[in-house]
Protein backbone atom coordinates (compact mmCIF):
# COMPACT_ATOMS: atom_id res chain seq x y z
CA MET A 1 -102.87 162.85 96.13
CA SER A 2 -105.85 165.04 94.43
CA TRP A 3 -107.22 165.01 91.20
CA ARG A 4 -105.84 168.46 90.68
CA THR A 5 -102.33 166.65 91.62
CA LEU A 6 -102.62 164.40 89.05
CA LEU A 7 -103.38 166.18 86.71
CA PHE A 8 -101.55 169.00 87.18
CA ALA A 9 -98.68 166.54 86.89
CA ALA A 10 -99.78 165.14 83.72
CA LEU A 11 -100.45 168.21 81.60
CA ALA A 12 -96.64 169.29 83.28
CA THR A 13 -95.43 165.65 81.78
CA SER A 14 -96.96 166.32 78.19
CA PHE A 15 -96.07 169.97 78.04
CA ILE A 16 -92.05 168.58 78.46
CA ASN A 17 -92.63 165.52 76.00
CA GLN A 18 -93.61 168.54 73.32
CA ALA A 19 -90.98 171.17 74.00
CA ALA A 20 -88.93 167.82 73.18
CA LEU A 21 -89.41 167.04 70.60
CA CYS A 22 -89.63 170.34 69.03
CA GLN A 23 -86.75 171.33 68.29
CA GLU A 24 -85.28 175.08 67.15
CA GLN A 25 -82.04 173.98 65.81
CA PRO A 26 -80.12 171.06 64.78
CA PRO A 27 -78.40 168.77 66.64
CA SER A 28 -75.17 170.03 67.14
CA SER A 29 -73.00 168.61 64.79
CA ALA A 30 -69.12 170.81 62.82
CA GLU A 31 -71.48 170.77 60.06
CA ALA A 32 -73.66 172.93 61.05
CA LYS A 33 -71.57 175.44 61.57
CA ARG A 34 -70.32 175.23 58.58
CA ILE A 35 -73.43 176.27 57.05
CA GLU A 36 -73.49 179.05 59.60
CA ALA A 37 -69.95 180.36 58.57
CA LEU A 38 -71.08 179.44 55.28
CA VAL A 39 -74.62 181.39 54.76
CA ASN A 40 -73.01 184.91 57.37
CA LYS A 41 -69.85 185.08 54.51
CA ALA A 42 -72.22 185.31 51.94
CA ALA A 43 -74.55 187.20 53.17
CA ALA A 44 -72.06 189.50 53.92
CA VAL A 45 -70.82 189.09 49.36
CA VAL A 46 -74.98 190.27 48.92
CA ASP A 47 -75.09 193.20 51.20
CA ALA A 48 -71.37 194.54 49.59
CA LYS A 49 -72.53 193.24 45.77
CA GLY A 50 -75.53 193.10 45.88
CA LYS A 51 -78.00 190.56 43.12
CA ALA A 52 -75.08 191.08 41.33
CA ALA A 53 -73.09 188.72 44.00
CA LEU A 54 -75.50 185.68 42.92
CA GLY A 55 -73.02 184.40 40.26
CA GLU A 56 -70.57 183.24 41.90
CA PHE A 57 -72.76 181.16 44.49
CA ARG A 58 -73.49 179.47 40.98
CA GLU A 59 -70.31 177.69 40.47
CA HIS A 60 -70.16 173.53 41.36
CA GLY A 61 -67.17 172.96 43.36
CA SER A 62 -66.40 176.37 44.56
CA GLU A 63 -66.74 177.46 48.21
CA TRP A 64 -70.12 178.39 47.58
CA TRP A 65 -71.41 175.53 46.32
CA PRO A 66 -68.90 172.68 47.87
CA GLY A 67 -70.55 168.61 47.60
CA ASP A 68 -73.96 168.70 48.15
CA VAL A 69 -74.72 172.18 50.32
CA TYR A 70 -74.98 175.13 48.18
CA VAL A 71 -75.91 178.65 48.73
CA PHE A 72 -80.26 179.72 47.83
CA ALA A 73 -81.44 183.30 47.65
CA TYR A 74 -85.04 184.54 48.08
CA ALA A 75 -86.49 187.89 46.88
CA PRO A 76 -89.02 190.08 48.80
CA ASP A 77 -91.69 188.23 47.76
CA GLY A 78 -90.07 185.00 48.61
CA THR A 79 -89.65 183.82 44.70
CA VAL A 80 -86.30 181.68 44.40
CA LEU A 81 -83.59 183.92 43.32
CA LEU A 82 -81.14 181.08 43.60
CA ASN A 83 -80.81 177.71 43.88
CA PRO A 84 -78.67 176.14 41.75
CA ALA A 85 -78.80 172.56 42.44
CA PHE A 86 -82.57 173.12 41.06
CA PRO A 87 -81.99 176.03 38.80
CA ALA A 88 -85.92 175.18 37.55
CA ARG A 89 -87.30 176.54 40.66
CA GLU A 90 -85.64 179.66 39.62
CA GLY A 91 -87.83 182.88 39.19
CA ARG A 92 -91.32 181.20 41.12
CA ALA A 93 -92.67 181.95 44.79
CA TYR A 94 -93.61 178.84 46.56
CA HIS A 95 -95.48 180.14 49.19
CA GLY A 96 -98.03 177.50 50.74
CA GLU A 97 -95.65 174.74 49.30
CA LYS A 98 -95.97 172.21 51.90
CA ASP A 99 -93.41 169.08 52.70
CA LYS A 100 -94.07 165.62 53.56
CA ARG A 101 -95.25 166.71 57.05
CA GLY A 102 -97.55 168.65 56.62
CA LYS A 103 -95.02 172.27 56.42
CA ALA A 104 -94.89 174.98 54.49
CA PHE A 105 -91.62 175.57 54.60
CA HIS A 106 -91.14 178.52 51.93
CA ASP A 107 -93.10 180.36 54.19
CA GLU A 108 -91.27 179.15 57.09
CA ILE A 109 -88.22 180.14 55.48
CA MET A 110 -89.27 183.86 54.66
CA LYS A 111 -90.76 184.58 57.87
CA MET A 112 -87.10 183.41 60.12
CA ALA A 113 -85.32 186.22 58.56
CA GLN A 114 -88.54 189.01 58.80
CA THR A 115 -88.87 188.58 62.07
CA LYS A 116 -85.45 186.58 63.83
CA GLY A 117 -82.94 188.25 61.23
CA SER A 118 -81.38 184.69 61.33
CA GLY A 119 -82.25 180.83 62.60
CA TRP A 120 -82.48 176.84 61.15
CA VAL A 121 -86.01 175.73 59.63
CA ASP A 122 -85.58 171.79 59.57
CA TYR A 123 -88.62 170.73 56.73
CA TRP A 124 -88.81 166.98 54.53
CA LEU A 125 -87.28 167.59 50.68
CA PRO A 126 -85.92 165.06 48.34
CA LYS A 127 -82.04 164.94 48.45
CA PRO A 128 -80.49 165.96 45.33
CA GLY A 129 -80.90 163.09 42.42
CA GLN A 130 -83.44 161.21 44.58
CA THR A 131 -86.99 161.83 44.82
CA GLU A 132 -87.90 160.28 48.11
CA PRO A 133 -87.85 163.15 50.68
CA SER A 134 -85.13 162.99 53.97
CA HIS A 135 -85.16 165.52 56.69
CA LYS A 136 -83.36 168.68 55.48
CA TRP A 137 -82.06 171.81 58.30
CA SER A 138 -81.32 175.58 55.95
CA TYR A 139 -79.60 178.37 58.10
CA VAL A 140 -81.10 181.58 56.54
CA LYS A 141 -80.06 185.00 57.07
CA ALA A 142 -81.95 188.08 55.65
CA VAL A 143 -79.92 190.08 53.97
CA ARG A 144 -79.57 194.21 53.04
CA ALA A 145 -79.26 194.01 49.67
CA GLU A 146 -82.35 195.29 46.71
CA GLY A 147 -84.17 192.59 45.53
CA VAL A 148 -82.81 190.62 47.94
CA THR A 149 -84.62 189.20 50.89
CA LEU A 150 -82.89 186.43 52.32
CA VAL A 151 -79.38 183.83 51.74
CA GLY A 152 -79.04 180.28 53.37
CA ALA A 153 -77.23 176.97 52.92
CA GLY A 154 -78.60 174.14 54.50
CA PHE A 155 -77.51 169.99 54.57
CA PHE A 156 -79.03 166.66 55.69
CA PRO A 157 -78.19 165.02 59.41
CA ASP A 158 -78.39 161.95 57.97
CA ASP A 159 -75.24 162.59 55.68
CA ALA A 160 -73.20 164.46 58.44
CA LYS A 161 -73.63 161.80 60.39
CA ASN A 162 -72.04 159.45 58.15
CA ARG A 163 -69.33 161.92 56.23
CA ARG A 164 -68.45 162.50 60.27
CA HIS A 165 -67.63 158.67 60.24
CA LEU A 166 -65.41 158.54 57.15
CA ARG A 167 -61.46 159.00 56.88
CA PRO A 168 -59.16 161.64 55.06
CA LEU A 169 -58.24 160.65 52.38
CA THR A 170 -54.42 160.61 52.72
CA PRO A 171 -52.25 160.71 49.68
CA CYS A 172 -51.43 157.05 49.18
CA ARG A 173 -54.95 156.23 50.15
CA ALA A 174 -55.83 158.73 47.42
CA ASN A 175 -53.43 157.78 44.47
CA LYS A 176 -53.74 153.38 44.90
CA ASP A 177 -53.49 151.99 42.11
CA ARG A 178 -55.54 148.60 41.26
CA HIS A 179 -53.51 146.20 42.70
CA GLY A 180 -54.01 149.15 46.29
CA LEU A 181 -50.15 149.82 46.67
CA CYS A 182 -49.34 153.51 46.63
């Protein structure tokens, strides 16, 4: 084998390994599909009602903020308009803010909506109530409302994986008394 063949094989292997490590979408899951549907529905509401729709997304326990998943929104200049889980982050742009791995994720979120219209962005952020960053995937979609450029929602894949193994509550399981009886 010639040195050129070996060099080509080494470069090709390296390229294939890099491509496998760079993932543009979260692992296929029911949770990812649910997030996409939620964001697409939220985008339709914002396109129809404009900025006024954002108030609907603040109610915890609603279809827009079920559990740990919530809809967020950005203005054309990158200002966070809506982040119901972390309202102190609203009203400010975070250009250049990096996650624990050095990704300027707010900029990536804006870029995804501006260049592709919609798509997934991954980054590392603490879960609500925690300080240690965890891997998060967010689906974002551009909207056409005045003063709003995108809406999105995200999930932590390790949470989705753990929820998949939980059995749903049956009426009996939900209403057992202290002795374990229905």
